[in-house]
């Protein structure tokens, strides 16, 4: 009977509005859940009972429409609102928000889930995880900090564990070399006198009538180069040692280049003296050009001990016959090898010539960290023995550097465990920093300094940040920054087809389409905002209005049932 149908019609209204109230309650309950997406329930009429399907118009009739009575309401489905929620800054660098349509990819038990909630934290292994333990997915880097894309891995940020050191590749200099200074003409001149000296002769028998014996150790200690101590160096006498062997050792230990830095291509045309000459009873050692290369050396700086460590008298008498001269300047800077070890290097610039084209300066390089015997450093390709020419820098009539703008320096690191050699470009005109050669007042002196060096000591990963494209940049205690990973995001053709797996996680659903995994900013995934979280997109005012409407609908449906009950009661009254 029709009254019974009305009861069930009212019942459908009660049922669907009760379900809708559950949806509204869930939305309101999650108003403070990060990245929660609100859901709405969609109603649709249930099937209708047909009295007639209607008739077509005819000659005598205008036709009739269908006669139907609805049988109530059904839930046709729910629809999730994936619009972005507001972004709230937290200042916590493990908090991440997405401004766009992408999803974070997380993994649990080798199953992928997708989430918009970015409240991540570290576990004991420095993996980034959700609050329920799922690991965040992305890309890692190789040993050279290049991203390896294509395969998802757990995002791991080893704060306090990962270390890095960076070998120096470039050093930039700035300053002015005094072009009006005095051109250098000589280096320090030292006479080593002893009986029996002759070039190339046997060291054991030639000097002092047998002053040296095999296994004796000759040590240079306390010598000075323009007031700076020269590192100690030792030479062990062998049966095959010659006078030349000894003075090559002294030359190298004092940092003297083979020709002292004379002519070697500068426009003076002067002869190129050797660094030492052997005469009857005297060896004359000529130092490098320039006042800042002047050498202080006395008898006491050359000592001898036998194999047992007992001191022996030195057969030499040392006399300084001339001091180094010429406009020059020395600066000390630090470079780092591949292990991050700091190594001190001296650069001495010496004015060696002037003519109508400009001024010419030679660059002398010395380092106590050089692992071979020679204190001076090589330039360009390895050239020992002998050392190649000392680099010559030419400046024009306007004080500007003509050539070369940089010098390749090689520092030996044999036996240190570091990459050998350490090759560094010394740049004299680069990136806004330049060395000039202008005249100056009579009292002013040349000045030069290293203003940039791209190497670094050992550093430990101490902090990180996530960029808009998901790149994770690590900051190390030595000031370096490196890419240490990148987040991956997923997009779907129909995100509303995802299946809610609870805990703000989603699975791929039959109607969602497959996940397109890519980098942030690509394919509409949006950008990453570090130190922030996405808030719920629940609109409380809308939910309260919907709650009122749902309550009204429920009450109205209940009135259908009570009214139908009254009709049935009236029918029963008629039957009595």
Protein backbone atom coordinates (compact mmCIF):
# COMPACT_ATOMS: atom_id res chain seq x y z
CA UNK A 1 0.00 0.00 0.00
CA UNK A 2 1.10 3.59 -0.65
CA UNK A 3 1.42 4.50 3.04
CA UNK A 4 4.00 1.78 3.52
CA UNK A 5 6.04 3.12 0.59
CA UNK A 6 5.99 6.57 2.18
CA UNK A 7 7.45 5.09 5.35
CA UNK A 8 10.38 3.63 3.48
CA UNK A 9 10.81 6.83 1.49
CA UNK A 10 11.15 8.76 4.74
CA UNK A 11 13.55 6.10 5.99
CA UNK A 12 15.89 6.74 3.07
CA UNK A 13 15.92 10.42 4.00
CA UNK A 14 16.84 9.55 7.57
CA UNK A 15 19.58 7.18 6.45
CA UNK A 16 21.33 9.45 3.96
CA UNK A 17 21.19 12.52 6.20
CA UNK A 18 22.63 10.48 9.06
CA UNK A 19 25.47 9.42 6.78
CA UNK A 20 25.99 12.99 5.68
CA UNK A 21 26.21 14.05 9.30
CA UNK A 22 28.99 11.49 9.75
CA UNK A 23 30.91 13.08 6.86
CA UNK A 24 30.41 16.58 8.25
CA UNK A 25 31.49 15.38 11.70
CA UNK A 26 34.65 13.85 10.23
CA UNK A 27 35.47 17.11 8.47
CA UNK A 28 34.97 19.18 11.61
CA UNK A 29 36.94 16.69 13.73
CA UNK A 30 39.90 17.04 11.34
CA UNK A 31 39.84 20.81 11.10
CA UNK A 32 43.31 20.86 12.74
CA UNK A 33 44.76 17.82 10.94
CA UNK A 34 47.67 18.92 8.75
CA UNK A 35 46.89 18.73 5.01
CA UNK A 36 43.49 17.10 5.66
CA UNK A 37 41.17 17.25 2.66
CA UNK A 38 37.46 17.75 3.36
CA UNK A 39 34.85 15.44 1.90
CA UNK A 40 31.29 16.08 0.83
CA UNK A 41 28.49 13.56 0.33
CA UNK A 42 26.51 13.58 -2.90
CA UNK A 43 22.83 12.60 -2.84
CA UNK A 44 20.79 11.37 -5.80
CA UNK A 45 17.12 10.32 -6.18
CA UNK A 46 16.42 6.63 -5.83
CA UNK A 47 14.46 4.72 -8.51
CA UNK A 48 10.97 5.85 -9.36
CA UNK A 49 7.76 3.83 -9.64
CA UNK A 50 6.16 4.37 -13.05
CA UNK A 51 2.41 4.77 -13.46
CA UNK A 52 2.72 5.58 -17.13
CA UNK A 53 5.58 6.28 -19.50
CA UNK A 54 3.51 8.92 -21.30
CA UNK A 55 2.07 9.00 -24.80
CA UNK A 56 3.04 10.67 -28.03
CA UNK A 57 0.98 13.51 -29.48
CA UNK A 58 -1.68 12.37 -31.96
CA UNK A 59 -4.45 13.73 -34.10
CA UNK A 60 -6.89 13.80 -31.23
CA UNK A 61 -4.52 14.06 -28.28
CA UNK A 62 -1.67 16.35 -27.35
CA UNK A 63 0.23 13.48 -25.65
CA UNK A 64 0.98 12.97 -21.98
CA UNK A 65 4.08 13.00 -19.81
CA UNK A 66 5.31 10.09 -17.73
CA UNK A 67 3.64 9.50 -14.40
CA UNK A 68 6.25 8.60 -11.77
CA UNK A 69 6.58 8.62 -8.00
CA UNK A 70 10.04 8.71 -6.44
CA UNK A 71 11.05 6.08 -3.94
CA UNK A 72 13.39 8.21 -1.83
CA UNK A 73 17.05 9.19 -1.90
CA UNK A 74 20.37 7.32 -2.18
CA UNK A 75 24.01 8.19 -1.55
CA UNK A 76 25.55 8.42 -5.01
CA UNK A 77 29.04 8.89 -3.66
CA UNK A 78 31.50 11.10 -1.79
CA UNK A 79 33.79 13.71 -3.26
CA UNK A 80 37.08 14.78 -1.69
CA UNK A 81 38.19 18.38 -2.02
CA UNK A 82 41.91 18.42 -2.97
CA UNK A 83 42.24 22.18 -3.05
CA UNK A 84 45.33 23.44 -1.22
CA UNK A 85 45.04 24.34 2.42
CA UNK A 86 46.66 27.41 3.90
CA UNK A 87 50.44 27.30 4.48
CA UNK A 88 51.65 27.79 8.05
CA UNK A 89 55.32 28.58 8.75
CA UNK A 90 56.80 26.48 11.56
CA UNK A 91 60.54 27.15 11.26
CA UNK A 92 61.27 23.43 11.61
CA UNK A 93 63.39 22.35 8.66
CA UNK A 94 61.92 18.84 8.59
CA UNK A 95 58.43 20.30 8.04
CA UNK A 96 57.54 20.48 4.35
CA UNK A 97 54.51 21.79 2.50
CA UNK A 98 53.44 21.45 -1.13
CA UNK A 99 52.00 24.42 -2.96
CA UNK A 100 50.46 22.66 -5.94
CA UNK A 101 48.86 19.33 -6.81
CA UNK A 102 51.65 16.92 -5.93
CA UNK A 103 51.90 14.29 -3.20
CA UNK A 104 54.84 13.22 -1.07
CA UNK A 105 55.82 9.60 -1.67
CA UNK A 106 56.37 7.47 1.41
CA UNK A 107 57.12 3.79 1.85
CA UNK A 108 56.13 1.16 4.40
CA UNK A 109 56.89 -2.55 4.04
CA UNK A 110 57.86 -1.94 0.39
CA UNK A 111 54.43 -0.46 -0.35
CA UNK A 112 54.14 3.09 -1.61
CA UNK A 113 51.69 5.53 -0.12
CA UNK A 114 50.99 9.16 -0.98
CA UNK A 115 50.38 12.02 1.39
CA UNK A 116 50.10 15.78 1.56
CA UNK A 117 51.02 15.93 5.24
CA UNK A 118 54.64 17.05 5.54
CA UNK A 119 55.26 16.80 9.29
CA UNK A 120 58.37 14.64 8.91
CA UNK A 121 60.94 13.79 11.54
CA UNK A 122 64.21 11.85 11.88
CA UNK A 123 64.55 8.26 13.03
CA UNK A 124 67.65 6.76 14.63
CA UNK A 125 69.23 6.24 11.19
CA UNK A 126 68.70 9.85 10.05
CA UNK A 127 65.92 8.81 7.67
CA UNK A 128 63.06 11.28 7.23
CA UNK A 129 59.85 9.54 8.29
CA UNK A 130 56.21 10.35 8.94
CA UNK A 131 54.86 10.35 12.46
CA UNK A 132 53.66 6.78 11.86
CA UNK A 133 57.00 5.54 10.54
CA UNK A 134 56.69 5.65 6.75
CA UNK A 135 59.97 6.68 5.05
CA UNK A 136 60.02 9.68 2.73
CA UNK A 137 61.17 8.87 -0.80
CA UNK A 138 63.35 10.78 -3.24
CA UNK A 139 66.72 10.75 -4.99
CA UNK A 140 70.24 10.44 -3.60
CA UNK A 141 73.62 11.73 -4.84
CA UNK A 142 76.87 10.08 -5.89
CA UNK A 143 80.28 10.58 -4.27
CA UNK A 144 80.67 13.87 -6.17
CA UNK A 145 77.28 15.17 -4.98
CA UNK A 146 75.62 14.73 -8.39
CA UNK A 147 71.96 13.75 -8.24
CA UNK A 148 71.09 10.18 -9.23
CA UNK A 149 67.52 10.35 -10.53
CA UNK A 150 65.33 7.56 -11.83
CA UNK A 151 65.25 5.30 -8.76
CA UNK A 152 63.51 6.22 -5.54
CA UNK A 153 65.37 5.69 -2.28
CA UNK A 154 64.77 6.58 1.36
CA UNK A 155 65.70 10.19 2.05
CA UNK A 156 68.60 10.12 4.50
CA UNK A 157 70.25 13.26 5.91
CA UNK A 158 73.26 12.22 8.03
CA UNK A 159 73.49 15.27 10.29
CA UNK A 160 76.69 15.12 12.33
CA UNK A 161 77.97 12.10 10.42
CA UNK A 162 78.75 13.04 6.82
CA UNK A 163 82.07 14.82 6.31
CA UNK A 164 83.62 16.62 3.36
CA UNK A 165 86.87 18.31 2.43
CA UNK A 166 87.49 20.24 -0.74
CA UNK A 167 90.82 20.57 -2.54
CA UNK A 168 91.71 24.09 -3.62
CA UNK A 169 91.39 24.69 -7.34
CA UNK A 170 91.52 28.47 -7.56
CA UNK A 171 93.04 31.32 -5.57
CA UNK A 172 92.30 34.94 -6.52
CA UNK A 173 94.60 37.85 -5.74
CA UNK A 174 94.13 41.58 -5.51
CA UNK A 175 96.49 44.49 -4.90
CA UNK A 176 98.91 46.87 -6.57
CA UNK A 177 102.51 46.29 -7.54
CA UNK A 178 104.62 49.43 -7.38
CA UNK A 179 105.72 49.98 -10.99
CA UNK A 180 107.89 52.94 -9.96
CA UNK A 181 110.02 50.72 -7.72
CA UNK A 182 113.63 49.71 -8.31
CA UNK A 183 114.22 46.87 -10.74
CA UNK A 184 115.83 43.85 -9.09
CA UNK A 185 119.37 43.10 -10.24
CA UNK A 186 120.68 40.50 -7.82
CA UNK A 187 119.78 37.94 -5.24
CA UNK A 188 121.57 37.23 -1.98
CA UNK A 189 125.16 36.11 -2.60
CA UNK A 190 126.61 33.49 -0.22
CA UNK A 191 130.20 32.18 -0.34
CA UNK A 192 130.78 28.68 1.08
CA UNK A 193 134.54 28.32 1.60
CA UNK A 194 136.32 25.04 2.29
CA UNK A 195 139.51 23.36 1.26
CA UNK A 196 139.41 20.98 -1.67
CA UNK A 197 136.16 22.15 -3.33
CA UNK A 198 135.83 21.30 -7.01
CA UNK A 199 132.74 20.83 -9.16
CA UNK A 200 131.49 17.28 -9.47
CA UNK A 201 134.13 15.83 -7.16
CA UNK A 202 133.55 13.15 -4.57
CA UNK A 203 132.05 14.72 -1.46
CA UNK A 204 133.75 12.24 0.86
CA UNK A 205 137.27 13.12 -0.23
CA UNK A 206 137.11 16.58 -1.83
CA UNK A 207 136.00 18.83 1.01
CA UNK A 208 138.21 19.50 3.99
CA UNK A 209 140.39 16.49 3.37
CA UNK A 210 137.65 13.98 4.28
CA UNK A 211 135.45 16.05 6.58
CA UNK A 212 132.38 14.00 5.60
CA UNK A 213 131.75 10.30 5.90
CA UNK A 214 129.07 8.05 4.49
CA UNK A 215 125.81 8.20 6.58
CA UNK A 216 126.67 11.66 7.92
CA UNK A 217 123.61 13.88 8.10
CA UNK A 218 123.97 17.51 7.01
CA UNK A 219 121.17 19.73 8.31
CA UNK A 220 120.08 23.25 7.42
CA UNK A 221 118.29 24.88 10.36
CA UNK A 222 117.46 28.45 11.33
CA UNK A 223 118.03 30.06 7.93
CA UNK A 224 115.81 33.05 7.10
CA UNK A 225 114.22 34.30 3.90
CA UNK A 226 113.41 37.98 4.47
CA UNK A 227 112.85 37.36 8.17
CA UNK A 228 110.76 34.20 7.74
CA UNK A 229 112.24 30.93 8.94
CA UNK A 230 113.09 28.40 6.26
CA UNK A 231 111.94 24.86 7.21
CA UNK A 232 114.66 22.53 8.42
CA UNK A 233 116.01 20.11 5.82
CA UNK A 234 118.53 17.25 5.95
CA UNK A 235 120.88 15.56 3.48
CA UNK A 236 122.35 12.11 4.13
CA UNK A 237 125.81 11.58 2.67
CA UNK A 238 126.29 8.42 0.61
CA UNK A 239 129.46 6.95 -0.93
CA UNK A 240 128.28 8.33 -4.30
CA UNK A 241 127.52 11.88 -3.10
CA UNK A 242 129.23 14.72 -4.95
CA UNK A 243 129.78 18.40 -4.27
CA UNK A 244 127.04 19.18 -6.80
CA UNK A 245 124.61 16.91 -4.88
CA UNK A 246 125.26 18.83 -1.69
CA UNK A 247 124.75 22.28 -3.20
CA UNK A 248 121.66 21.25 -5.14
CA UNK A 249 120.28 20.20 -1.75
CA UNK A 250 121.24 23.57 -0.19
CA UNK A 251 119.78 25.44 -3.16
CA UNK A 252 116.47 23.56 -3.00
CA UNK A 253 116.22 23.71 0.80
CA UNK A 254 116.59 27.51 0.68
CA UNK A 255 113.91 27.76 -2.02
CA UNK A 256 116.27 29.05 -4.71
CA UNK A 257 115.20 28.33 -8.27
CA UNK A 258 117.84 27.06 -10.66
CA UNK A 259 118.62 30.41 -12.29
CA UNK A 260 117.58 32.60 -9.38
CA UNK A 261 114.73 34.08 -11.46
CA UNK A 262 117.01 36.17 -13.65
CA UNK A 263 116.25 36.95 -17.31
CA UNK A 264 114.47 33.72 -18.41
CA UNK A 265 112.42 35.62 -20.98
CA UNK A 266 112.17 39.09 -19.46
CA UNK A 267 113.18 41.94 -21.78
CA UNK A 268 116.36 42.98 -19.95
CA UNK A 269 118.68 40.84 -22.01
CA UNK A 270 120.86 40.20 -18.95
CA UNK A 271 122.76 36.97 -18.61
CA UNK A 272 121.19 34.18 -16.57
CA UNK A 273 123.56 33.16 -13.79
CA UNK A 274 123.25 29.69 -12.33
CA UNK A 275 122.09 29.41 -8.72
CA UNK A 276 125.60 28.33 -7.67
CA UNK A 277 129.08 28.22 -9.16
CA UNK A 278 131.94 26.08 -7.94
CA UNK A 279 135.44 27.60 -7.93
CA UNK A 280 138.71 26.78 -6.30
CA UNK A 281 137.90 26.44 -2.61
CA UNK A 282 134.66 28.50 -2.86
CA UNK A 283 131.08 27.81 -3.89
CA UNK A 284 129.12 30.98 -4.65
CA UNK A 285 125.37 30.55 -4.14
CA UNK A 286 123.11 33.22 -5.67
CA UNK A 287 119.59 33.53 -4.27
CA UNK A 288 116.37 34.59 -5.96
CA UNK A 289 115.87 38.14 -7.14
CA UNK A 290 114.02 40.68 -4.98
CA UNK A 291 114.46 42.15 -1.53
CA UNK A 292 111.72 39.89 -0.13
CA UNK A 293 113.76 36.87 -1.26
CA UNK A 294 116.86 37.93 0.65
CA UNK A 295 118.52 35.08 2.56
CA UNK A 296 120.19 35.19 5.97
CA UNK A 297 122.53 32.20 6.38
CA UNK A 298 125.52 31.71 8.70
CA UNK A 299 127.91 28.96 9.73
CA UNK A 300 125.62 27.96 12.59
CA UNK A 301 122.79 27.19 10.14
CA UNK A 302 124.73 24.29 8.61
CA UNK A 303 125.39 21.42 11.03
CA UNK A 304 126.77 17.88 10.66
CA UNK A 305 126.14 14.74 12.71
CA UNK A 306 127.43 11.24 12.24
CA UNK A 307 125.27 8.10 12.11
CA UNK A 308 125.22 7.95 15.92
CA UNK A 309 123.93 11.52 16.16
CA UNK A 310 127.19 12.96 17.41
CA UNK A 311 127.91 16.49 16.15
CA UNK A 312 130.87 17.03 13.87
CA UNK A 313 132.48 20.34 12.86
CA UNK A 314 131.33 21.72 9.52
CA UNK A 315 134.16 22.22 7.01
CA UNK A 316 132.50 25.34 5.54
CA UNK A 317 132.85 28.99 6.35
CA UNK A 318 129.81 30.92 5.12
CA UNK A 319 130.00 34.61 4.22
CA UNK A 320 127.26 36.78 2.78
CA UNK A 321 128.78 39.04 0.12
CA UNK A 322 125.61 40.76 -1.22
CA UNK A 323 121.95 41.19 -0.28
CA UNK A 324 119.04 40.67 -2.66
CA UNK A 325 117.60 43.90 -4.03
CA UNK A 326 114.67 45.17 -6.08
CA UNK A 327 111.02 46.09 -5.54
CA UNK A 328 109.12 43.05 -4.24
CA UNK A 329 106.27 41.97 -2.02
CA UNK A 330 105.44 38.70 -0.29
CA UNK A 331 102.04 37.38 0.77
CA UNK A 332 101.18 34.14 2.51
CA UNK A 333 97.96 32.26 1.79
CA UNK A 334 96.45 28.87 2.57
CA UNK A 335 95.41 26.13 0.15
CA UNK A 336 93.82 22.78 1.03
CA UNK A 337 94.65 19.37 -0.40
CA UNK A 338 92.09 16.66 -1.19
CA UNK A 339 92.02 15.56 2.47
CA UNK A 340 91.30 19.09 3.65
CA UNK A 341 94.79 19.60 5.08
CA UNK A 342 95.70 23.32 5.11
CA UNK A 343 99.02 24.07 3.42
CA UNK A 344 100.81 27.40 3.66
CA UNK A 345 102.18 28.96 0.46
CA UNK A 346 104.27 32.12 -0.02
CA UNK A 347 103.92 34.18 -3.18
CA UNK A 348 106.68 36.74 -3.78
CA UNK A 349 106.29 39.21 -6.66
CA UNK A 350 109.53 40.84 -7.88
CA UNK A 351 109.96 43.72 -10.33
CA UNK A 352 112.50 42.41 -12.88
CA UNK A 353 112.19 44.83 -15.82
CA UNK A 354 110.61 48.02 -17.14
CA UNK A 355 110.51 49.35 -20.68
CA UNK A 356 108.24 51.30 -23.04
CA UNK A 357 105.72 48.43 -23.00
CA UNK A 358 105.19 48.46 -19.25
CA UNK A 359 106.54 46.61 -16.22
CA UNK A 360 107.47 42.96 -15.76
CA UNK A 361 107.18 40.96 -12.53
CA UNK A 362 108.28 37.47 -11.59
CA UNK A 363 106.23 35.26 -9.29
CA UNK A 364 108.21 33.09 -6.83
CA UNK A 365 106.28 30.38 -4.99
CA UNK A 366 107.44 28.54 -1.85
CA UNK A 367 105.73 26.16 0.52
CA UNK A 368 106.93 24.19 3.56
CA UNK A 369 104.12 21.74 2.79
CA UNK A 370 105.69 20.67 -0.49
CA UNK A 371 106.56 16.99 -0.03
CA UNK A 372 109.72 16.93 -2.14
CA UNK A 373 113.07 18.40 -1.12
CA UNK A 374 112.69 21.62 -3.12
CA UNK A 375 111.06 24.40 -1.12
CA UNK A 376 110.10 26.24 -4.29
CA UNK A 377 106.96 25.17 -6.19
CA UNK A 378 106.58 24.23 -9.79
CA UNK A 379 104.40 26.00 -12.31
CA UNK A 380 102.66 24.49 -15.32
CA UNK A 381 103.52 20.91 -16.20
CA UNK A 382 106.03 19.18 -13.96
CA UNK A 383 109.52 20.15 -15.00
CA UNK A 384 111.96 18.84 -12.44
CA UNK A 385 114.79 18.51 -12.80
CA UNK A 386 115.31 21.27 -13.68
CA UNK A 387 112.51 23.62 -12.73
CA UNK A 388 110.84 25.51 -15.56
CA UNK A 389 111.12 29.31 -15.86
CA UNK A 390 109.77 31.46 -13.04
CA UNK A 391 106.44 32.91 -14.28
CA UNK A 392 106.71 36.40 -15.77
CA UNK A 393 103.67 38.73 -15.52
CA UNK A 394 103.54 41.66 -17.92
CA UNK A 395 101.60 44.86 -17.16
CA UNK A 396 100.91 47.51 -19.81
CA UNK A 397 101.49 51.26 -19.74
CA UNK A 398 98.21 51.72 -17.88
CA UNK A 399 99.05 49.33 -15.06
CA UNK A 400 96.75 46.57 -16.30
CA UNK A 401 97.79 42.94 -16.49
CA UNK A 402 98.41 41.82 -20.07
CA UNK A 403 99.49 38.21 -19.63
CA UNK A 404 99.21 35.73 -18.18
CA UNK A 405 96.05 36.29 -16.11
CA UNK A 406 96.59 33.09 -14.16
CA UNK A 407 99.43 30.75 -13.22
CA UNK A 408 98.98 26.98 -12.68
CA UNK A 409 100.84 26.03 -9.49
CA UNK A 410 101.71 22.45 -8.52
CA UNK A 411 102.34 21.42 -4.93
CA UNK A 412 103.73 17.95 -4.30
CA UNK A 413 101.78 15.89 -1.74
CA UNK A 414 103.55 12.54 -2.14
CA UNK A 415 103.29 10.37 0.97
CA UNK A 416 100.55 12.47 2.58
CA UNK A 417 97.63 10.30 1.51
CA UNK A 418 96.21 13.22 -0.49
CA UNK A 419 95.84 13.42 -4.25
CA UNK A 420 99.23 14.26 -5.78
CA UNK A 421 100.02 16.80 -7.05
CA UNK A 422 97.72 19.53 -5.79
CA UNK A 423 97.19 21.78 -8.82
CA UNK A 424 95.92 25.30 -8.15
CA UNK A 425 95.21 28.16 -10.55
CA UNK A 426 96.51 31.45 -9.19
CA UNK A 427 94.26 34.11 -10.72
CA UNK A 428 95.47 37.68 -10.98
CA UNK A 429 92.53 39.13 -12.95
CA UNK A 430 89.24 37.36 -12.32
CA UNK A 431 85.73 37.95 -10.96
CA UNK A 432 86.22 41.61 -10.14
CA UNK A 433 89.51 41.05 -8.32
CA UNK A 434 92.66 42.16 -10.09
CA UNK A 435 96.32 42.90 -9.49
CA UNK A 436 97.51 46.18 -11.02
CA UNK A 437 100.94 47.76 -11.47
CA UNK A 438 100.65 51.52 -10.93
CA UNK A 439 103.33 53.90 -9.75
CA UNK A 440 103.09 55.04 -6.15
CA UNK A 441 104.74 57.50 -3.80
CA UNK A 442 108.37 56.96 -2.92
CA UNK A 443 107.47 55.64 0.54
CA UNK A 444 104.68 53.32 -0.55
CA UNK A 445 105.34 49.63 -1.09
CA UNK A 446 103.74 47.03 -3.28
CA UNK A 447 100.84 45.17 -1.71
CA UNK A 448 99.10 41.98 -2.72
CA UNK A 449 96.80 39.54 -0.95
CA UNK A 450 94.77 36.42 -1.64
CA UNK A 451 91.09 37.41 -1.50
CA UNK A 452 89.45 34.09 -2.39
CA UNK A 453 90.29 30.41 -2.10
CA UNK A 454 87.79 27.69 -3.02
CA UNK A 455 89.25 24.86 -0.95
CA UNK A 456 88.20 23.94 2.56
CA UNK A 457 89.23 21.96 5.59
CA UNK A 458 87.34 18.93 6.88
CA UNK A 459 83.71 19.79 7.66
CA UNK A 460 80.75 17.91 9.12
CA UNK A 461 77.17 18.16 7.90
CA UNK A 462 75.44 20.41 10.42
CA UNK A 463 72.27 21.69 8.79
CA UNK A 464 70.12 21.39 5.68
CA UNK A 465 67.35 23.11 3.78
CA UNK A 466 64.88 22.08 1.09
CA UNK A 467 64.44 24.26 -1.98
CA UNK A 468 61.34 24.87 -4.08
CA UNK A 469 62.41 22.15 -6.52
CA UNK A 470 62.88 19.66 -3.70
CA UNK A 471 66.67 19.86 -3.72
CA UNK A 472 68.11 19.17 -0.28
CA UNK A 473 71.16 21.35 0.34
CA UNK A 474 73.47 20.43 3.19
CA UNK A 475 75.54 22.96 5.10
CA UNK A 476 78.89 21.82 6.51
CA UNK A 477 80.86 23.25 9.41
CA UNK A 478 83.66 24.34 7.06
CA UNK A 479 81.30 26.67 5.20
CA UNK A 480 80.69 24.44 2.18
CA UNK A 481 77.23 23.66 0.85
CA UNK A 482 76.44 20.61 -1.26
CA UNK A 483 73.37 18.96 -2.76
CA UNK A 484 72.74 15.84 -0.69
CA UNK A 485 69.42 14.69 -2.20
CA UNK A 486 66.13 15.66 -3.76
CA UNK A 487 62.51 14.96 -2.92
CA UNK A 488 60.24 13.30 -5.48
CA UNK A 489 56.54 14.09 -5.86
CA UNK A 490 53.68 12.18 -7.47
CA UNK A 491 50.69 13.42 -9.43
CA UNK A 492 47.54 11.62 -10.57
CA UNK A 493 45.13 12.13 -13.44
CA UNK A 494 42.27 11.89 -10.96
CA UNK A 495 43.43 12.41 -7.37
CA UNK A 496 39.82 12.08 -6.17
CA UNK A 497 40.09 8.42 -7.19
CA UNK A 498 42.72 7.73 -4.52
CA UNK A 499 41.78 5.39 -1.71
CA UNK A 500 42.10 6.74 1.82
CA UNK A 501 44.41 4.39 3.75
CA UNK A 502 44.06 6.28 7.03
CA UNK A 503 46.65 8.38 8.81
CA UNK A 504 46.59 10.99 6.02
CA UNK A 505 47.88 8.36 3.56
CA UNK A 506 46.41 7.38 0.20
CA UNK A 507 46.77 4.37 -2.07
CA UNK A 508 46.36 4.20 -5.81
CA UNK A 509 42.69 3.48 -6.60
CA UNK A 510 41.03 1.88 -9.66
CA UNK A 511 39.97 5.30 -10.93
CA UNK A 512 42.92 7.44 -9.82
CA UNK A 513 45.28 6.56 -12.64
CA UNK A 514 48.87 5.55 -12.11
CA UNK A 515 51.24 7.80 -10.19
CA UNK A 516 53.43 10.07 -12.30
CA UNK A 517 56.63 10.40 -10.25
CA UNK A 518 58.75 13.44 -11.01
CA UNK A 519 60.63 16.36 -9.51
CA UNK A 520 58.81 19.23 -7.81
CA UNK A 521 57.75 22.05 -10.17
CA UNK A 522 57.25 19.56 -13.04
CA UNK A 523 53.89 18.34 -14.38
CA UNK A 524 51.90 20.55 -12.04
CA UNK A 525 53.31 19.00 -8.87
CA UNK A 526 53.92 22.45 -7.41
CA UNK A 527 56.75 23.76 -5.29
CA UNK A 528 58.12 22.67 -1.93
CA UNK A 529 58.07 25.12 0.96
CA UNK A 530 60.54 24.17 3.66
CA UNK A 531 59.90 24.93 7.33
CA UNK A 532 56.12 25.02 6.78
CA UNK A 533 53.06 22.79 6.88
CA UNK A 534 49.86 22.72 4.88
CA UNK A 535 46.76 23.15 7.05
CA UNK A 536 43.40 21.46 6.70
CA UNK A 537 41.19 22.89 3.95
CA UNK A 538 38.01 22.37 6.02
CA UNK A 539 35.76 25.49 5.93
CA UNK A 540 34.03 25.52 9.31
CA UNK A 541 31.37 28.01 8.30
CA UNK A 542 30.42 25.83 5.34
CA UNK A 543 30.39 22.72 7.52
CA UNK A 544 28.11 24.37 10.10
CA UNK A 545 25.67 25.42 7.38
CA UNK A 546 25.73 21.90 5.95
CA UNK A 547 25.12 20.54 9.43
CA UNK A 548 22.04 22.76 9.78
CA UNK A 549 20.76 21.65 6.38
CA UNK A 550 21.44 18.01 7.21
CA UNK A 551 19.66 18.32 10.54
CA UNK A 552 16.71 19.95 8.82
CA UNK A 553 16.63 17.21 6.18
CA UNK A 554 16.74 14.56 8.88
CA UNK A 555 13.90 16.22 10.80
CA UNK A 556 11.84 16.57 7.63
CA UNK A 557 12.35 12.92 6.77
CA UNK A 558 11.25 11.94 10.26
CA UNK A 559 8.07 14.03 9.77
CA UNK A 560 7.29 11.94 6.71
CA UNK A 561 7.40 8.84 8.87
CA UNK A 562 5.27 10.37 11.68
CA UNK A 563 2.72 11.73 9.20
CA UNK A 564 2.50 8.39 7.43
CA UNK A 565 2.01 6.73 10.80
CA UNK A 566 -0.87 9.07 11.51
CA UNK A 567 -2.48 8.15 8.19
CA UNK A 568 -2.15 4.47 8.97
CA UNK A 569 -3.72 5.08 12.39
CA UNK A 570 -6.62 6.88 10.72
CA UNK A 571 -7.08 3.94 8.36
CA UNK A 572 -7.15 1.54 11.26
CA UNK A 573 -9.75 3.74 12.99
CA UNK A 574 -12.01 3.53 9.96
CA UNK A 575 -11.83 -0.22 10.09
CA UNK A 576 -13.10 -0.51 13.67
